[in-house]
Amino acid sequence: MRHNSAGRRLGRTTSHRIAMFRNMVTSFLQHEKITTTDAKAKELRSIAEKMITLGKKGDLHATRQAAAYIRDKKVVTKLFTEIAPRYAERPGGYTRIIKLGIRPGDTAPVSVIELVEAEMKPKKAAKPAAKAPKAAKAAPAVEAAAAEEAPVAEAPAAEAAEETTEA
C-alpha cells in the first residue's frame, strides 16, 4: 500500500530526482514554457506553483527559500519582480499543461507546461470596444439613408390614398 507516499519516482534515485526538478523549475521560470513528458510536467506543476506562491509573499524569508531551490540568481530575481506580480490577485493555478502527443523515439507521452497569462491580459477586451464605435458611426449613416428614402416611399402611398378617396 502507498499510504502517504505522494509523488512519482520516475525511475530515478532520490538525489537524481531532486536535482532534475531543481533544474526543470529553473528552466521553466526562466523560459516560462518547457516541453517534457506528461509525468514530469505533472510533478513540476506543484513545485513551480509553490515557487510562484513564495514570489507572491515577497519577503526576505521567501526569497531565501526560493533561492535555496532555484539554481540561478537571475531567475530568482525574475520570479520576484516579473512573474509573481502578474499573479497577485490569482489564488493559484498559475500553470497549464497541454498534451502534445507521443515522442517518436521512445513513444513517451509529451506535454508543454507553461504559465497561464493569456486570460489575464486586458488587450482582448480593448479590441471589441474599439470596434463598437465604428459600428455606431455606420449606424447613423444607415439611418440617414433610410430617412431620405422614407419620404420617397411615403409619397406614392399618399398619392394612392388620394386616388382611392377621389374615386
C-alpha atoms as a PDB file:
ATOM      1  CA  MET A   1       0.000   0.000   0.000  1.00  0.00           C
ATOM      2  CA  ARG A   2       1.195   3.512  -0.811  1.00  0.00           C
ATOM      3  CA  HIS A   3      -0.279   5.429   2.093  1.00  0.00           C
ATOM      4  CA  ASN A   4       1.227   8.919   2.453  1.00  0.00           C
ATOM      5  CA  SER A   5       3.554   8.287  -0.497  1.00  0.00           C
ATOM      6  CA  ALA A   6       2.802  11.218  -2.754  1.00  0.00           C
ATOM      7  CA  GLY A   7       4.704  11.920  -5.941  1.00  0.00           C
ATOM      8  CA  ARG A   8       6.182   9.876  -8.736  1.00  0.00           C
ATOM      9  CA  ARG A   9       9.582   8.234  -8.553  1.00  0.00           C
ATOM     10  CA  LEU A  10      10.128   8.422 -12.328  1.00  0.00           C
ATOM     11  CA  GLY A  11      12.682   5.597 -12.255  1.00  0.00           C
ATOM     12  CA  ARG A  12      15.343   7.744 -10.604  1.00  0.00           C
ATOM     13  CA  THR A  13      17.123   7.846  -7.303  1.00  0.00           C
ATOM     14  CA  THR A  14      16.043  10.484  -4.800  1.00  0.00           C
ATOM     15  CA  SER A  15      19.084  12.694  -5.353  1.00  0.00           C
ATOM     16  CA  HIS A  16      18.755  12.478  -9.143  1.00  0.00           C
ATOM     17  CA  ARG A  17      15.040  13.298  -8.981  1.00  0.00           C
ATOM     18  CA  ILE A  18      15.573  16.317  -6.719  1.00  0.00           C
ATOM     19  CA  ALA A  19      18.385  17.635  -8.926  1.00  0.00           C
ATOM     20  CA  MET A  20      16.289  17.096 -12.060  1.00  0.00           C
ATOM     21  CA  PHE A  21      13.329  19.040 -10.663  1.00  0.00           C
ATOM     22  CA  ARG A  22      15.580  21.868  -9.460  1.00  0.00           C
ATOM     23  CA  ASN A  23      16.948  22.164 -12.995  1.00  0.00           C
ATOM     24  CA  MET A  24      13.482  21.893 -14.523  1.00  0.00           C
ATOM     25  CA  VAL A  25      11.889  24.546 -12.304  1.00  0.00           C
ATOM     26  CA  THR A  26      14.813  26.881 -13.003  1.00  0.00           C
ATOM     27  CA  SER A  27      14.406  26.409 -16.763  1.00  0.00           C
ATOM     28  CA  PHE A  28      10.631  26.689 -16.520  1.00  0.00           C
ATOM     29  CA  LEU A  29      10.732  30.007 -14.684  1.00  0.00           C
ATOM     30  CA  GLN A  30      13.454  31.304 -16.991  1.00  0.00           C
ATOM     31  CA  HIS A  31      11.654  30.469 -20.247  1.00  0.00           C
ATOM     32  CA  GLU A  32       8.076  30.375 -18.864  1.00  0.00           C
ATOM     33  CA  LYS A  33       7.373  27.319 -21.045  1.00  0.00           C
ATOM     34  CA  ILE A  34       9.098  23.941 -21.466  1.00  0.00           C
ATOM     35  CA  THR A  35       8.382  20.662 -23.233  1.00  0.00           C
ATOM     36  CA  THR A  36       8.697  17.443 -21.228  1.00  0.00           C
ATOM     37  CA  THR A  37       6.924  14.163 -20.548  1.00  0.00           C
ATOM     38  CA  ASP A  38       3.445  14.140 -19.006  1.00  0.00           C
ATOM     39  CA  ALA A  39       4.561  12.639 -15.692  1.00  0.00           C
ATOM     40  CA  LYS A  40       7.407  15.124 -15.247  1.00  0.00           C
ATOM     41  CA  ALA A  41       5.125  18.032 -16.165  1.00  0.00           C
ATOM     42  CA  LYS A  42       2.549  16.974 -13.581  1.00  0.00           C
ATOM     43  CA  GLU A  43       5.212  16.771 -10.866  1.00  0.00           C
ATOM     44  CA  LEU A  44       6.834  20.029 -11.946  1.00  0.00           C
ATOM     45  CA  ARG A  45       3.497  21.849 -11.744  1.00  0.00           C
ATOM     46  CA  SER A  46       3.281  21.578  -7.943  1.00  0.00           C
ATOM     47  CA  ILE A  47       6.888  22.693  -7.420  1.00  0.00           C
ATOM     48  CA  ALA A  48       6.581  25.656  -9.799  1.00  0.00           C
ATOM     49  CA  GLU A  49       3.336  26.814  -8.210  1.00  0.00           C
ATOM     50  CA  LYS A  50       4.966  26.704  -4.771  1.00  0.00           C
ATOM     51  CA  MET A  51       7.807  28.879  -6.091  1.00  0.00           C
ATOM     52  CA  ILE A  52       5.352  31.415  -7.535  1.00  0.00           C
ATOM     53  CA  THR A  53       3.491  31.478  -4.221  1.00  0.00           C
ATOM     54  CA  LEU A  54       6.806  32.240  -2.491  1.00  0.00           C
ATOM     55  CA  GLY A  55       7.302  35.016  -5.029  1.00  0.00           C
ATOM     56  CA  LYS A  56       3.891  36.452  -4.156  1.00  0.00           C
ATOM     57  CA  LYS A  57       4.869  36.642  -0.475  1.00  0.00           C
ATOM     58  CA  GLY A  58       7.860  38.742  -1.466  1.00  0.00           C
ATOM     59  CA  ASP A  59       9.620  38.904   1.926  1.00  0.00           C
ATOM     60  CA  LEU A  60      13.235  38.070   2.653  1.00  0.00           C
ATOM     61  CA  HIS A  61      12.487  34.612   4.027  1.00  0.00           C
ATOM     62  CA  ALA A  62      10.532  33.653   0.893  1.00  0.00           C
ATOM     63  CA  THR A  63      13.367  34.964  -1.285  1.00  0.00           C
ATOM     64  CA  ARG A  64      15.878  32.809   0.555  1.00  0.00           C
ATOM     65  CA  GLN A  65      13.625  29.748   0.358  1.00  0.00           C
ATOM     66  CA  ALA A  66      13.247  30.200  -3.405  1.00  0.00           C
ATOM     67  CA  ALA A  67      16.979  30.816  -3.841  1.00  0.00           C
ATOM     68  CA  ALA A  68      17.718  27.584  -1.979  1.00  0.00           C
ATOM     69  CA  TYR A  69      15.779  25.625  -4.622  1.00  0.00           C
ATOM     70  CA  ILE A  70      16.237  27.611  -7.846  1.00  0.00           C
ATOM     71  CA  ARG A  71      19.741  27.329  -9.279  1.00  0.00           C
ATOM     72  CA  ASP A  72      20.105  30.771 -10.903  1.00  0.00           C
ATOM     73  CA  LYS A  73      20.015  34.089  -9.043  1.00  0.00           C
ATOM     74  CA  LYS A  74      18.741  35.891 -12.145  1.00  0.00           C
ATOM     75  CA  VAL A  75      15.766  33.541 -12.278  1.00  0.00           C
ATOM     76  CA  VAL A  76      15.015  34.205  -8.591  1.00  0.00           C
ATOM     77  CA  THR A  77      15.057  37.937  -9.336  1.00  0.00           C
ATOM     78  CA  LYS A  78      12.770  37.398 -12.333  1.00  0.00           C
ATOM     79  CA  LEU A  79      10.405  35.352 -10.174  1.00  0.00           C
ATOM     80  CA  PHE A  80      10.050  38.083  -7.562  1.00  0.00           C
ATOM     81  CA  THR A  81       9.994  41.093  -9.912  1.00  0.00           C
ATOM     82  CA  GLU A  82       8.186  39.912 -13.060  1.00  0.00           C
ATOM     83  CA  ILE A  83       6.368  36.601 -12.618  1.00  0.00           C
ATOM     84  CA  ALA A  84       4.859  36.858  -9.129  1.00  0.00           C
ATOM     85  CA  PRO A  85       3.338  40.369  -9.575  1.00  0.00           C
ATOM     86  CA  ARG A  86       1.427  39.066 -12.633  1.00  0.00           C
ATOM     87  CA  TYR A  87      -0.478  36.674 -10.391  1.00  0.00           C
ATOM     88  CA  ALA A  88      -1.040  38.981  -7.407  1.00  0.00           C
ATOM     89  CA  GLU A  89      -4.831  38.568  -7.482  1.00  0.00           C
ATOM     90  CA  ARG A  90      -4.832  34.955  -8.691  1.00  0.00           C
ATOM     91  CA  PRO A  91      -5.332  32.403  -5.865  1.00  0.00           C
ATOM     92  CA  GLY A  92      -3.426  29.560  -7.547  1.00  0.00           C
ATOM     93  CA  GLY A  93      -3.430  27.673 -10.833  1.00  0.00           C
ATOM     94  CA  TYR A  94      -0.504  29.521 -12.387  1.00  0.00           C
ATOM     95  CA  THR A  95       0.436  26.775 -14.852  1.00  0.00           C
ATOM     96  CA  ARG A  96      -1.218  24.916 -17.700  1.00  0.00           C
ATOM     97  CA  ILE A  97      -0.280  21.534 -19.183  1.00  0.00           C
ATOM     98  CA  ILE A  98      -1.047  20.941 -22.865  1.00  0.00           C
ATOM     99  CA  LYS A  99      -0.604  17.413 -24.179  1.00  0.00           C
ATOM    100  CA  LEU A 100       1.261  17.261 -27.489  1.00  0.00           C
ATOM    101  CA  GLY A 101       1.160  13.564 -28.331  1.00  0.00           C
ATOM    102  CA  ILE A 102       3.775  10.835 -28.395  1.00  0.00           C
ATOM    103  CA  ARG A 103       7.528  11.279 -28.819  1.00  0.00           C
ATOM    104  CA  PRO A 104       8.738   9.281 -31.840  1.00  0.00           C
ATOM    105  CA  GLY A 105      11.928   7.898 -30.257  1.00  0.00           C
ATOM    106  CA  ASP A 106      10.505   6.098 -27.234  1.00  0.00           C
ATOM    107  CA  THR A 107       6.723   6.642 -27.539  1.00  0.00           C
ATOM    108  CA  ALA A 108       6.659   8.672 -24.324  1.00  0.00           C
ATOM    109  CA  PRO A 109       3.639  10.995 -23.956  1.00  0.00           C
ATOM    110  CA  VAL A 110       4.908  14.568 -24.284  1.00  0.00           C
ATOM    111  CA  SER A 111       3.387  17.804 -22.931  1.00  0.00           C
ATOM    112  CA  VAL A 112       4.098  21.509 -22.789  1.00  0.00           C
ATOM    113  CA  ILE A 113       3.892  23.145 -19.383  1.00  0.00           C
ATOM    114  CA  GLU A 114       3.514  26.921 -19.465  1.00  0.00           C
ATOM    115  CA  LEU A 115       2.467  29.829 -17.303  1.00  0.00           C
ATOM    116  CA  VAL A 116      -1.111  30.964 -17.718  1.00  0.00           C
ATOM    117  CA  GLU A 117      -1.245  34.595 -18.647  1.00  0.00           C
ATOM    118  CA  ALA A 118      -3.380  34.899 -21.767  1.00  0.00           C
ATOM    119  CA  GLU A 119      -6.608  35.109 -19.720  1.00  0.00           C
ATOM    120  CA  MET A 120      -5.222  37.870 -17.501  1.00  0.00           C
ATOM    121  CA  LYS A 121      -4.364  40.298 -20.327  1.00  0.00           C
ATOM    122  CA  PRO A 122      -6.977  43.027 -20.919  1.00  0.00           C
ATOM    123  CA  LYS A 123      -5.863  43.599 -24.538  1.00  0.00           C
ATOM    124  CA  LYS A 124      -8.621  41.375 -25.932  1.00  0.00           C
ATOM    125  CA  ALA A 125     -11.299  43.358 -24.112  1.00  0.00           C
ATOM    126  CA  ALA A 126      -9.982  46.634 -25.561  1.00  0.00           C
ATOM    127  CA  LYS A 127     -10.254  45.489 -29.185  1.00  0.00           C
ATOM    128  CA  PRO A 128     -14.046  44.851 -29.223  1.00  0.00           C
ATOM    129  CA  ALA A 129     -14.584  48.210 -27.532  1.00  0.00           C
ATOM    130  CA  ALA A 130     -12.659  49.858 -30.374  1.00  0.00           C
ATOM    131  CA  LYS A 131     -14.848  48.106 -32.955  1.00  0.00           C
ATOM    132  CA  ALA A 132     -18.089  49.213 -31.319  1.00  0.00           C
ATOM    133  CA  PRO A 133     -17.683  52.947 -32.166  1.00  0.00           C
ATOM    134  CA  LYS A 134     -17.077  52.053 -35.816  1.00  0.00           C
ATOM    135  CA  ALA A 135     -20.384  50.216 -35.875  1.00  0.00           C
ATOM    136  CA  ALA A 136     -22.020  53.176 -34.130  1.00  0.00           C
ATOM    137  CA  LYS A 137     -20.684  55.533 -36.807  1.00  0.00           C
ATOM    138  CA  ALA A 138     -22.046  53.290 -39.550  1.00  0.00           C
ATOM    139  CA  ALA A 139     -25.478  53.092 -37.921  1.00  0.00           C
ATOM    140  CA  PRO A 140     -26.273  56.849 -38.176  1.00  0.00           C
ATOM    141  CA  ALA A 141     -25.281  56.788 -41.851  1.00  0.00           C
ATOM    142  CA  VAL A 142     -27.702  53.933 -42.448  1.00  0.00           C
ATOM    143  CA  GLU A 143     -30.429  55.734 -40.521  1.00  0.00           C
ATOM    144  CA  ALA A 144     -29.836  58.922 -42.525  1.00  0.00           C
ATOM    145  CA  ALA A 145     -30.079  56.987 -45.782  1.00  0.00           C
ATOM    146  CA  ALA A 146     -33.270  55.324 -44.579  1.00  0.00           C
ATOM    147  CA  ALA A 147     -34.686  58.727 -43.599  1.00  0.00           C
ATOM    148  CA  GLU A 148     -34.005  60.076 -47.113  1.00  0.00           C
ATOM    149  CA  GLU A 149     -35.687  57.076 -48.734  1.00  0.00           C
ATOM    150  CA  ALA A 150     -38.697  57.105 -46.401  1.00  0.00           C
ATOM    151  CA  PRO A 151     -40.359  60.280 -47.775  1.00  0.00           C
ATOM    152  CA  VAL A 152     -39.963  58.949 -51.320  1.00  0.00           C
ATOM    153  CA  ALA A 153     -41.649  55.726 -50.275  1.00  0.00           C
ATOM    154  CA  GLU A 154     -44.434  57.593 -48.480  1.00  0.00           C
ATOM    155  CA  ALA A 155     -45.243  59.867 -51.436  1.00  0.00           C
ATOM    156  CA  PRO A 156     -46.575  57.173 -53.775  1.00  0.00           C
ATOM    157  CA  ALA A 157     -48.547  55.690 -50.903  1.00  0.00           C
ATOM    158  CA  ALA A 158     -50.080  59.102 -50.170  1.00  0.00           C
ATOM    159  CA  GLU A 159     -50.954  59.603 -53.871  1.00  0.00           C
ATOM    160  CA  ALA A 160     -52.550  56.182 -53.995  1.00  0.00           C
ATOM    161  CA  ALA A 161     -54.572  57.014 -50.897  1.00  0.00           C
ATOM    162  CA  GLU A 162     -55.771  60.300 -52.513  1.00  0.00           C
ATOM    163  CA  GLU A 163     -56.771  58.475 -55.714  1.00  0.00           C
ATOM    164  CA  THR A 164     -58.896  55.996 -53.808  1.00  0.00           C
ATOM    165  CA  THR A 165     -60.705  58.785 -51.943  1.00  0.00           C
ATOM    166  CA  GLU A 166     -61.464  60.667 -55.190  1.00  0.00           C
ATOM    167  CA  ALA A 167     -62.918  57.651 -56.893  1.00  0.00           C
END
